[in-house]
PDB file of all heavy atoms in Angstrom:
ATOM      1  N   ALA A   1     -15.405   7.759 -44.852  1.00  0.00           N
ATOM      2  CA  ALA A   1     -15.576   6.531 -45.618  1.00  0.00           C
ATOM      3  C   ALA A   1     -16.838   5.842 -45.139  1.00  0.00           C
ATOM      4  O   ALA A   1     -17.441   6.238 -44.134  1.00  0.00           O
ATOM      5  CB  ALA A   1     -14.368   5.607 -45.437  1.00  0.00           C
ATOM      6  N   VAL A   2     -17.233   4.806 -45.873  1.00  0.00           N
ATOM      7  CA  VAL A   2     -18.303   3.953 -45.384  1.00  0.00           C
ATOM      8  C   VAL A   2     -17.670   2.680 -44.843  1.00  0.00           C
ATOM      9  O   VAL A   2     -16.629   2.240 -45.303  1.00  0.00           O
ATOM     10  CB  VAL A   2     -19.328   3.608 -46.481  1.00  0.00           C
ATOM     11  CG1 VAL A   2     -20.112   4.833 -46.873  1.00  0.00           C
ATOM     12  CG2 VAL A   2     -18.635   3.001 -47.692  1.00  0.00           C
ATOM     13  N   SER A   3     -18.307   2.102 -43.860  1.00  0.00           N
ATOM     14  CA  SER A   3     -17.736   0.928 -43.215  1.00  0.00           C
ATOM     15  C   SER A   3     -18.835  -0.017 -42.780  1.00  0.00           C
ATOM     16  O   SER A   3     -19.922   0.410 -42.395  1.00  0.00           O
ATOM     17  CB  SER A   3     -16.921   1.358 -41.980  1.00  0.00           C
ATOM     18  OG  SER A   3     -16.517   0.232 -41.228  1.00  0.00           O
ATOM     19  N   LEU A   4     -18.538  -1.312 -42.835  1.00  0.00           N
ATOM     20  CA  LEU A   4     -19.391  -2.284 -42.166  1.00  0.00           C
ATOM     21  C   LEU A   4     -19.088  -2.215 -40.684  1.00  0.00           C
ATOM     22  O   LEU A   4     -17.930  -2.177 -40.278  1.00  0.00           O
ATOM     23  CB  LEU A   4     -19.081  -3.696 -42.674  1.00  0.00           C
ATOM     24  CG  LEU A   4     -19.625  -4.096 -44.041  1.00  0.00           C
ATOM     25  CD1 LEU A   4     -19.172  -5.503 -44.369  1.00  0.00           C
ATOM     26  CD2 LEU A   4     -21.132  -4.020 -44.068  1.00  0.00           C
ATOM     27  N   THR A   5     -20.108  -2.193 -39.862  1.00  0.00           N
ATOM     28  CA  THR A   5     -19.893  -2.141 -38.422  1.00  0.00           C
ATOM     29  C   THR A   5     -20.082  -3.514 -37.807  1.00  0.00           C
ATOM     30  O   THR A   5     -21.047  -4.207 -38.109  1.00  0.00           O
ATOM     31  CB  THR A   5     -20.871  -1.152 -37.757  1.00  0.00           C
ATOM     32  OG1 THR A   5     -22.205  -1.513 -38.138  1.00  0.00           O
ATOM     33  CG2 THR A   5     -20.597   0.257 -38.203  1.00  0.00           C
ATOM     34  N   PRO A   6     -19.167  -3.939 -36.955  1.00  0.00           N
ATOM     35  CA  PRO A   6     -19.274  -5.265 -36.351  1.00  0.00           C
ATOM     36  C   PRO A   6     -20.509  -5.395 -35.469  1.00  0.00           C
ATOM     37  O   PRO A   6     -21.019  -4.417 -34.931  1.00  0.00           O
ATOM     38  CB  PRO A   6     -17.997  -5.368 -35.504  1.00  0.00           C
ATOM     39  CG  PRO A   6     -17.073  -4.351 -36.060  1.00  0.00           C
ATOM     40  CD  PRO A   6     -17.948  -3.239 -36.554  1.00  0.00           C
ATOM     41  N   SER A   7     -20.975  -6.612 -35.322  1.00  0.00           N
ATOM     42  CA  SER A   7     -22.112  -6.898 -34.459  1.00  0.00           C
ATOM     43  C   SER A   7     -21.681  -6.889 -32.998  1.00  0.00           C
ATOM     44  O   SER A   7     -20.687  -7.503 -32.613  1.00  0.00           O
ATOM     45  CB  SER A   7     -22.694  -8.271 -34.804  1.00  0.00           C
ATOM     46  OG  SER A   7     -23.450  -8.784 -33.737  1.00  0.00           O
ATOM     47  N   GLN A   8     -22.447  -6.206 -32.180  1.00  0.00           N
ATOM     48  CA  GLN A   8     -22.146  -6.168 -30.753  1.00  0.00           C
ATOM     49  C   GLN A   8     -22.221  -7.562 -30.148  1.00  0.00           C
ATOM     50  O   GLN A   8     -21.411  -7.922 -29.299  1.00  0.00           O
ATOM     51  CB  GLN A   8     -23.127  -5.236 -30.042  1.00  0.00           C
ATOM     52  CG  GLN A   8     -22.823  -5.060 -28.561  1.00  0.00           C
ATOM     53  CD  GLN A   8     -23.774  -4.082 -27.904  1.00  0.00           C
ATOM     54  OE1 GLN A   8     -24.959  -4.093 -28.171  1.00  0.00           O
ATOM     55  NE2 GLN A   8     -23.253  -3.229 -27.050  1.00  0.00           N
ATOM     56  N   LEU A   9     -23.174  -8.354 -30.612  1.00  0.00           N
ATOM     57  CA  LEU A   9     -23.332  -9.689 -30.041  1.00  0.00           C
ATOM     58  C   LEU A   9     -22.128 -10.568 -30.351  1.00  0.00           C
ATOM     59  O   LEU A   9     -21.645 -11.296 -29.490  1.00  0.00           O
ATOM     60  CB  LEU A   9     -24.617 -10.334 -30.572  1.00  0.00           C
ATOM     61  CG  LEU A   9     -25.918  -9.606 -30.225  1.00  0.00           C
ATOM     62  CD1 LEU A   9     -27.110 -10.350 -30.817  1.00  0.00           C
ATOM     63  CD2 LEU A   9     -26.083  -9.490 -28.716  1.00  0.00           C
ATOM     64  N   VAL A  10     -21.640 -10.512 -31.579  1.00  0.00           N
ATOM     65  CA  VAL A  10     -20.457 -11.296 -31.930  1.00  0.00           C
ATOM     66  C   VAL A  10     -19.255 -10.828 -31.125  1.00  0.00           C
ATOM     67  O   VAL A  10     -18.469 -11.638 -30.613  1.00  0.00           O
ATOM     68  CB  VAL A  10     -20.168 -11.199 -33.443  1.00  0.00           C
ATOM     69  CG1 VAL A  10     -18.819 -11.830 -33.772  1.00  0.00           C
ATOM     70  CG2 VAL A  10     -21.263 -11.890 -34.241  1.00  0.00           C
ATOM     71  N   CYS A  11     -19.098  -9.520 -30.999  1.00  0.00           N
ATOM     72  CA  CYS A  11     -17.960  -8.986 -30.241  1.00  0.00           C
ATOM     73  C   CYS A  11     -18.014  -9.426 -28.778  1.00  0.00           C
ATOM     74  O   CYS A  11     -16.987  -9.785 -28.189  1.00  0.00           O
ATOM     75  CB  CYS A  11     -17.931  -7.459 -30.347  1.00  0.00           C
ATOM     76  SG  CYS A  11     -17.406  -6.853 -31.976  1.00  0.00           S
ATOM     77  N   LEU A  12     -19.194  -9.389 -28.189  1.00  0.00           N
ATOM     78  CA  LEU A  12     -19.320  -9.805 -26.794  1.00  0.00           C
ATOM     79  C   LEU A  12     -18.982 -11.288 -26.636  1.00  0.00           C
ATOM     80  O   LEU A  12     -18.285 -11.683 -25.691  1.00  0.00           O
ATOM     81  CB  LEU A  12     -20.741  -9.531 -26.292  1.00  0.00           C
ATOM     82  CG  LEU A  12     -21.087  -8.064 -26.040  1.00  0.00           C
ATOM     83  CD1 LEU A  12     -22.585  -7.908 -25.767  1.00  0.00           C
ATOM     84  CD2 LEU A  12     -20.281  -7.498 -24.870  1.00  0.00           C
ATOM     85  N   ARG A  13     -19.461 -12.118 -27.550  1.00  0.00           N
ATOM     86  CA  ARG A  13     -19.171 -13.545 -27.475  1.00  0.00           C
ATOM     87  C   ARG A  13     -17.681 -13.806 -27.685  1.00  0.00           C
ATOM     88  O   ARG A  13     -17.082 -14.680 -27.052  1.00  0.00           O
ATOM     89  CB  ARG A  13     -19.992 -14.300 -28.525  1.00  0.00           C
ATOM     90  CG  ARG A  13     -21.485 -14.310 -28.225  1.00  0.00           C
ATOM     91  CD  ARG A  13     -22.272 -14.889 -29.388  1.00  0.00           C
ATOM     92  NE  ARG A  13     -21.929 -16.278 -29.628  1.00  0.00           N
ATOM     93  CZ  ARG A  13     -22.251 -16.943 -30.734  1.00  0.00           C
ATOM     94  NH1 ARG A  13     -22.908 -16.318 -31.705  1.00  0.00           N
ATOM     95  NH2 ARG A  13     -21.913 -18.206 -30.873  1.00  0.00           N
ATOM     96  N   LEU A  14     -17.053 -13.023 -28.553  1.00  0.00           N
ATOM     97  CA  LEU A  14     -15.633 -13.197 -28.822  1.00  0.00           C
ATOM     98  C   LEU A  14     -14.790 -12.786 -27.616  1.00  0.00           C
ATOM     99  O   LEU A  14     -13.800 -13.452 -27.285  1.00  0.00           O
ATOM    100  CB  LEU A  14     -15.246 -12.386 -30.054  1.00  0.00           C
ATOM    101  CG  LEU A  14     -13.859 -12.617 -30.652  1.00  0.00           C
ATOM    102  CD1 LEU A  14     -13.608 -14.097 -30.894  1.00  0.00           C
ATOM    103  CD2 LEU A  14     -13.710 -11.834 -31.946  1.00  0.00           C
ATOM    104  N   VAL A  15     -15.176 -11.703 -26.956  1.00  0.00           N
ATOM    105  CA  VAL A  15     -14.459 -11.301 -25.747  1.00  0.00           C
ATOM    106  C   VAL A  15     -14.532 -12.403 -24.691  1.00  0.00           C
ATOM    107  O   VAL A  15     -13.539 -12.737 -24.027  1.00  0.00           O
ATOM    108  CB  VAL A  15     -15.019  -9.972 -25.186  1.00  0.00           C
ATOM    109  CG1 VAL A  15     -14.488  -9.723 -23.776  1.00  0.00           C
ATOM    110  CG2 VAL A  15     -14.637  -8.814 -26.089  1.00  0.00           C
ATOM    111  N   ARG A  16     -15.726 -12.986 -24.529  1.00  0.00           N
ATOM    112  CA  ARG A  16     -15.870 -14.065 -23.551  1.00  0.00           C
ATOM    113  C   ARG A  16     -14.982 -15.258 -23.906  1.00  0.00           C
ATOM    114  O   ARG A  16     -14.354 -15.870 -23.045  1.00  0.00           O
ATOM    115  CB  ARG A  16     -17.339 -14.501 -23.465  1.00  0.00           C
ATOM    116  CG  ARG A  16     -18.203 -13.541 -22.668  1.00  0.00           C
ATOM    117  CD  ARG A  16     -19.501 -14.215 -22.221  1.00  0.00           C
ATOM    118  NE  ARG A  16     -20.394 -14.454 -23.356  1.00  0.00           N
ATOM    119  CZ  ARG A  16     -21.326 -13.593 -23.747  1.00  0.00           C
ATOM    120  NH1 ARG A  16     -21.469 -12.439 -23.135  1.00  0.00           N
ATOM    121  NH2 ARG A  16     -22.120 -13.890 -24.772  1.00  0.00           N
ATOM    122  N   ALA A  17     -14.931 -15.580 -25.189  1.00  0.00           N
ATOM    123  CA  ALA A  17     -14.107 -16.710 -25.621  1.00  0.00           C
ATOM    124  C   ALA A  17     -12.621 -16.424 -25.429  1.00  0.00           C
ATOM    125  O   ALA A  17     -11.859 -17.287 -24.983  1.00  0.00           O
ATOM    126  CB  ALA A  17     -14.393 -17.038 -27.088  1.00  0.00           C
ATOM    127  N   LEU A  18     -12.208 -15.210 -25.753  1.00  0.00           N
ATOM    128  CA  LEU A  18     -10.793 -14.852 -25.662  1.00  0.00           C
ATOM    129  C   LEU A  18     -10.305 -14.704 -24.229  1.00  0.00           C
ATOM    130  O   LEU A  18      -9.118 -14.878 -23.945  1.00  0.00           O
ATOM    131  CB  LEU A  18     -10.536 -13.549 -26.430  1.00  0.00           C
ATOM    132  CG  LEU A  18     -10.633 -13.646 -27.956  1.00  0.00           C
ATOM    133  CD1 LEU A  18     -10.711 -12.263 -28.580  1.00  0.00           C
ATOM    134  CD2 LEU A  18      -9.441 -14.412 -28.520  1.00  0.00           C
ATOM    135  N   THR A  19     -11.204 -14.370 -23.326  1.00  0.00           N
ATOM    136  CA  THR A  19     -10.812 -14.189 -21.923  1.00  0.00           C
ATOM    137  C   THR A  19     -11.194 -15.380 -21.057  1.00  0.00           C
ATOM    138  O   THR A  19     -10.992 -15.361 -19.853  1.00  0.00           O
ATOM    139  CB  THR A  19     -11.468 -12.921 -21.340  1.00  0.00           C
ATOM    140  OG1 THR A  19     -12.895 -13.011 -21.495  1.00  0.00           O
ATOM    141  CG2 THR A  19     -10.969 -11.681 -22.049  1.00  0.00           C
ATOM    142  N   GLY A  20     -11.765 -16.421 -21.684  1.00  0.00           N
ATOM    143  CA  GLY A  20     -12.185 -17.606 -20.939  1.00  0.00           C
ATOM    144  C   GLY A  20     -11.063 -18.611 -20.787  1.00  0.00           C
ATOM    145  O   GLY A  20      -9.875 -18.310 -20.958  1.00  0.00           O
ATOM    146  N   ALA A  21     -11.453 -19.832 -20.498  1.00  0.00           N
ATOM    147  CA  ALA A  21     -10.477 -20.878 -20.210  1.00  0.00           C
ATOM    148  C   ALA A  21      -9.999 -21.521 -21.516  1.00  0.00           C
ATOM    149  O   ALA A  21     -10.450 -22.606 -21.901  1.00  0.00           O
ATOM    150  CB  ALA A  21     -11.101 -21.930 -19.288  1.00  0.00           C
ATOM    151  N   ASP A  22      -9.071 -20.852 -22.177  1.00  0.00           N
ATOM    152  CA  ASP A  22      -8.412 -21.411 -23.351  1.00  0.00           C
ATOM    153  C   ASP A  22      -9.381 -21.939 -24.411  1.00  0.00           C
ATOM    154  O   ASP A  22      -9.400 -23.132 -24.739  1.00  0.00           O
ATOM    155  CB  ASP A  22      -7.444 -22.532 -22.944  1.00  0.00           C
ATOM    156  CG  ASP A  22      -6.351 -22.032 -22.020  1.00  0.00           C
ATOM    157  OD1 ASP A  22      -5.916 -20.891 -22.226  1.00  0.00           O
ATOM    158  OD2 ASP A  22      -5.953 -22.777 -21.121  1.00  0.00           O
ATOM    159  N   ALA A  23     -10.198 -21.044 -24.943  1.00  0.00           N
ATOM    160  CA  ALA A  23     -11.092 -21.434 -26.033  1.00  0.00           C
ATOM    161  C   ALA A  23     -10.251 -21.894 -27.218  1.00  0.00           C
ATOM    162  O   ALA A  23      -9.220 -21.287 -27.533  1.00  0.00           O
ATOM    163  CB  ALA A  23     -11.966 -20.254 -26.439  1.00  0.00           C
ATOM    164  N   PRO A  24     -10.635 -22.972 -27.889  1.00  0.00           N
ATOM    165  CA  PRO A  24      -9.840 -23.467 -29.013  1.00  0.00           C
ATOM    166  C   PRO A  24      -9.794 -22.455 -30.162  1.00  0.00           C
ATOM    167  O   PRO A  24     -10.713 -21.659 -30.346  1.00  0.00           O
ATOM    168  CB  PRO A  24     -10.573 -24.744 -29.430  1.00  0.00           C
ATOM    169  CG  PRO A  24     -11.953 -24.596 -28.896  1.00  0.00           C
ATOM    170  CD  PRO A  24     -11.832 -23.792 -27.645  1.00  0.00           C
ATOM    171  N   LEU A  25      -8.701 -22.523 -30.926  1.00  0.00           N
ATOM    172  CA  LEU A  25      -8.519 -21.594 -32.034  1.00  0.00           C
ATOM    173  C   LEU A  25      -9.672 -21.680 -33.022  1.00  0.00           C
ATOM    174  O   LEU A  25     -10.108 -20.675 -33.570  1.00  0.00           O
ATOM    175  CB  LEU A  25      -7.189 -21.879 -32.740  1.00  0.00           C
ATOM    176  CG  LEU A  25      -6.859 -20.981 -33.938  1.00  0.00           C
ATOM    177  CD1 LEU A  25      -6.784 -19.520 -33.522  1.00  0.00           C
ATOM    178  CD2 LEU A  25      -5.557 -21.434 -34.590  1.00  0.00           C
ATOM    179  N   ARG A  26     -10.192 -22.883 -33.253  1.00  0.00           N
ATOM    180  CA  ARG A  26     -11.288 -23.047 -34.195  1.00  0.00           C
ATOM    181  C   ARG A  26     -12.509 -22.234 -33.771  1.00  0.00           C
ATOM    182  O   ARG A  26     -13.189 -21.635 -34.609  1.00  0.00           O
ATOM    183  CB  ARG A  26     -11.660 -24.536 -34.318  1.00  0.00           C
ATOM    184  CG  ARG A  26     -12.924 -24.810 -35.122  1.00  0.00           C
ATOM    185  CD  ARG A  26     -12.898 -24.163 -36.497  1.00  0.00           C
ATOM    186  NE  ARG A  26     -11.851 -24.730 -37.340  1.00  0.00           N
ATOM    187  CZ  ARG A  26     -11.576 -24.297 -38.561  1.00  0.00           C
ATOM    188  NH1 ARG A  26     -12.249 -23.258 -39.063  1.00  0.00           N
ATOM    189  NH2 ARG A  26     -10.626 -24.862 -39.278  1.00  0.00           N
ATOM    190  N   GLU A  27     -12.806 -22.191 -32.459  1.00  0.00           N
ATOM    191  CA  GLU A  27     -13.937 -21.399 -31.975  1.00  0.00           C
ATOM    192  C   GLU A  27     -13.701 -19.915 -32.230  1.00  0.00           C
ATOM    193  O   GLU A  27     -14.618 -19.191 -32.637  1.00  0.00           O
ATOM    194  CB  GLU A  27     -14.151 -21.649 -30.479  1.00  0.00           C
ATOM    195  CG  GLU A  27     -15.313 -20.848 -29.897  1.00  0.00           C
ATOM    196  CD  GLU A  27     -15.479 -21.047 -28.395  1.00  0.00           C
ATOM    197  OE1 GLU A  27     -14.836 -21.965 -27.844  1.00  0.00           O
ATOM    198  OE2 GLU A  27     -16.242 -20.268 -27.780  1.00  0.00           O
ATOM    199  N   ILE A  28     -12.470 -19.465 -31.998  1.00  0.00           N
ATOM    200  CA  ILE A  28     -12.126 -18.061 -32.249  1.00  0.00           C
ATOM    201  C   ILE A  28     -12.283 -17.744 -33.736  1.00  0.00           C
ATOM    202  O   ILE A  28     -12.877 -16.724 -34.116  1.00  0.00           O
ATOM    203  CB  ILE A  28     -10.675 -17.763 -31.804  1.00  0.00           C
ATOM    204  CG1 ILE A  28     -10.470 -18.142 -30.328  1.00  0.00           C
ATOM    205  CG2 ILE A  28     -10.327 -16.309 -32.052  1.00  0.00           C
ATOM    206  CD1 ILE A  28     -11.348 -17.412 -29.366  1.00  0.00           C
ATOM    207  N   GLU A  29     -11.763 -18.615 -34.579  1.00  0.00           N
ATOM    208  CA  GLU A  29     -11.866 -18.416 -36.018  1.00  0.00           C
ATOM    209  C   GLU A  29     -13.317 -18.350 -36.472  1.00  0.00           C
ATOM    210  O   GLU A  29     -13.697 -17.492 -37.279  1.00  0.00           O
ATOM    211  CB  GLU A  29     -11.161 -19.552 -36.757  1.00  0.00           C
ATOM    212  CG  GLU A  29      -9.650 -19.543 -36.609  1.00  0.00           C
ATOM    213  CD  GLU A  29      -9.020 -20.763 -37.259  1.00  0.00           C
ATOM    214  OE1 GLU A  29      -9.759 -21.556 -37.863  1.00  0.00           O
ATOM    215  OE2 GLU A  29      -7.805 -20.919 -37.167  1.00  0.00           O
ATOM    216  N   ASP A  30     -14.133 -19.263 -35.952  1.00  0.00           N
ATOM    217  CA  ASP A  30     -15.538 -19.305 -36.358  1.00  0.00           C
ATOM    218  C   ASP A  30     -16.264 -18.024 -35.965  1.00  0.00           C
ATOM    219  O   ASP A  30     -17.100 -17.508 -36.721  1.00  0.00           O
ATOM    220  CB  ASP A  30     -16.235 -20.515 -35.731  1.00  0.00           C
ATOM    221  CG  ASP A  30     -15.787 -21.833 -36.363  1.00  0.00           C
ATOM    222  OD1 ASP A  30     -15.172 -21.789 -37.434  1.00  0.00           O
ATOM    223  OD2 ASP A  30     -16.052 -22.890 -35.764  1.00  0.00           O
ATOM    224  N   LEU A  31     -15.954 -17.501 -34.788  1.00  0.00           N
ATOM    225  CA  LEU A  31     -16.612 -16.277 -34.338  1.00  0.00           C
ATOM    226  C   LEU A  31     -16.196 -15.085 -35.195  1.00  0.00           C
ATOM    227  O   LEU A  31     -17.034 -14.277 -35.611  1.00  0.00           O
ATOM    228  CB  LEU A  31     -16.278 -16.011 -32.865  1.00  0.00           C
ATOM    229  CG  LEU A  31     -17.059 -16.826 -31.837  1.00  0.00           C
ATOM    230  CD1 LEU A  31     -16.448 -16.680 -30.447  1.00  0.00           C
ATOM    231  CD2 LEU A  31     -18.523 -16.401 -31.811  1.00  0.00           C
ATOM    232  N   VAL A  32     -14.906 -14.963 -35.471  1.00  0.00           N
ATOM    233  CA  VAL A  32     -14.446 -13.859 -36.315  1.00  0.00           C
ATOM    234  C   VAL A  32     -15.037 -13.985 -37.716  1.00  0.00           C
ATOM    235  O   VAL A  32     -15.530 -13.012 -38.291  1.00  0.00           O
ATOM    236  CB  VAL A  32     -12.904 -13.827 -36.385  1.00  0.00           C
ATOM    237  CG1 VAL A  32     -12.436 -12.751 -37.375  1.00  0.00           C
ATOM    238  CG2 VAL A  32     -12.307 -13.552 -35.008  1.00  0.00           C
ATOM    239  N   ALA A  33     -15.004 -15.191 -38.254  1.00  0.00           N
ATOM    240  CA  ALA A  33     -15.507 -15.406 -39.614  1.00  0.00           C
ATOM    241  C   ALA A  33     -17.004 -15.171 -39.727  1.00  0.00           C
ATOM    242  O   ALA A  33     -17.514 -14.888 -40.819  1.00  0.00           O
ATOM    243  CB  ALA A  33     -15.176 -16.824 -40.071  1.00  0.00           C
ATOM    244  N   SER A  34     -17.726 -15.258 -38.605  1.00  0.00           N
ATOM    245  CA  SER A  34     -19.174 -15.054 -38.647  1.00  0.00           C
ATOM    246  C   SER A  34     -19.559 -13.596 -38.792  1.00  0.00           C
ATOM    247  O   SER A  34     -20.721 -13.280 -39.021  1.00  0.00           O
ATOM    248  CB  SER A  34     -19.823 -15.632 -37.376  1.00  0.00           C
ATOM    249  OG  SER A  34     -19.562 -14.806 -36.245  1.00  0.00           O
ATOM    250  N   ASP A  35     -18.596 -12.685 -38.667  1.00  0.00           N
ATOM    251  CA  ASP A  35     -18.883 -11.251 -38.776  1.00  0.00           C
ATOM    252  C   ASP A  35     -17.980 -10.645 -39.846  1.00  0.00           C
ATOM    253  O   ASP A  35     -16.787 -10.437 -39.616  1.00  0.00           O
ATOM    254  CB  ASP A  35     -18.649 -10.557 -37.433  1.00  0.00           C
ATOM    255  CG  ASP A  35     -19.189  -9.134 -37.414  1.00  0.00           C
ATOM    256  OD1 ASP A  35     -18.985  -8.413 -38.412  1.00  0.00           O
ATOM    257  OD2 ASP A  35     -19.813  -8.750 -36.421  1.00  0.00           O
ATOM    258  N   PRO A  36     -18.504 -10.358 -41.046  1.00  0.00           N
ATOM    259  CA  PRO A  36     -17.674  -9.818 -42.128  1.00  0.00           C
ATOM    260  C   PRO A  36     -16.944  -8.536 -41.757  1.00  0.00           C
ATOM    261  O   PRO A  36     -15.799  -8.329 -42.168  1.00  0.00           O
ATOM    262  CB  PRO A  36     -18.685  -9.575 -43.255  1.00  0.00           C
ATOM    263  CG  PRO A  36     -19.793 -10.533 -42.983  1.00  0.00           C
ATOM    264  CD  PRO A  36     -19.886 -10.619 -41.487  1.00  0.00           C
ATOM    265  N   ALA A  37     -17.590  -7.661 -40.990  1.00  0.00           N
ATOM    266  CA  ALA A  37     -16.947  -6.399 -40.620  1.00  0.00           C
ATOM    267  C   ALA A  37     -15.739  -6.643 -39.739  1.00  0.00           C
ATOM    268  O   ALA A  37     -14.674  -6.034 -39.909  1.00  0.00           O
ATOM    269  CB  ALA A  37     -17.957  -5.500 -39.892  1.00  0.00           C
ATOM    270  N   LEU A  38     -15.886  -7.539 -38.782  1.00  0.00           N
ATOM    271  CA  LEU A  38     -14.775  -7.869 -37.896  1.00  0.00           C
ATOM    272  C   LEU A  38     -13.664  -8.553 -38.685  1.00  0.00           C
ATOM    273  O   LEU A  38     -12.470  -8.255 -38.483  1.00  0.00           O
ATOM    274  CB  LEU A  38     -15.269  -8.777 -36.767  1.00  0.00           C
ATOM    275  CG  LEU A  38     -14.262  -9.176 -35.690  1.00  0.00           C
ATOM    276  CD1 LEU A  38     -13.646  -7.964 -35.037  1.00  0.00           C
ATOM    277  CD2 LEU A  38     -14.941 -10.064 -34.654  1.00  0.00           C
ATOM    278  N   SER A  39     -14.031  -9.426 -39.603  1.00  0.00           N
ATOM    279  CA  SER A  39     -13.035 -10.114 -40.429  1.00  0.00           C
ATOM    280  C   SER A  39     -12.219  -9.110 -41.237  1.00  0.00           C
ATOM    281  O   SER A  39     -10.989  -9.213 -41.341  1.00  0.00           O
ATOM    282  CB  SER A  39     -13.729 -11.089 -41.383  1.00  0.00           C
ATOM    283  OG  SER A  39     -14.458 -12.062 -40.682  1.00  0.00           O
ATOM    284  N   LEU A  40     -12.908  -8.137 -41.822  1.00  0.00           N
ATOM    285  CA  LEU A  40     -12.221  -7.145 -42.646  1.00  0.00           C
ATOM    286  C   LEU A  40     -11.251  -6.321 -41.809  1.00  0.00           C
ATOM    287  O   LEU A  40     -10.132  -6.026 -42.237  1.00  0.00           O
ATOM    288  CB  LEU A  40     -13.250  -6.235 -43.322  1.00  0.00           C
ATOM    289  CG  LEU A  40     -12.706  -5.273 -44.387  1.00  0.00           C
ATOM    290  CD1 LEU A  40     -12.096  -6.038 -45.547  1.00  0.00           C
ATOM    291  CD2 LEU A  40     -13.814  -4.348 -44.876  1.00  0.00           C
ATOM    292  N   ARG A  41     -11.648  -5.968 -40.595  1.00  0.00           N
ATOM    293  CA  ARG A  41     -10.758  -5.185 -39.731  1.00  0.00           C
ATOM    294  C   ARG A  41      -9.527  -5.988 -39.330  1.00  0.00           C
ATOM    295  O   ARG A  41      -8.425  -5.442 -39.240  1.00  0.00           O
ATOM    296  CB  ARG A  41     -11.517  -4.704 -38.496  1.00  0.00           C
ATOM    297  CG  ARG A  41     -12.576  -3.668 -38.845  1.00  0.00           C
ATOM    298  CD  ARG A  41     -13.187  -3.048 -37.615  1.00  0.00           C
ATOM    299  NE  ARG A  41     -14.244  -2.122 -38.003  1.00  0.00           N
ATOM    300  CZ  ARG A  41     -14.656  -1.125 -37.244  1.00  0.00           C
ATOM    301  NH1 ARG A  41     -14.102  -0.911 -36.074  1.00  0.00           N
ATOM    302  NH2 ARG A  41     -15.626  -0.335 -37.658  1.00  0.00           N
TER     303      ARG A  41
END
């Protein structure tokens, strides 16, 4: 199949947010929403 591939930079920032000191849900949502490929997955 063909697929959109997520951005490495967005993924790295999201990992930091998810493993940090309780990043707010809005920040998590904004990061996921900023990458269409990640959103689709």
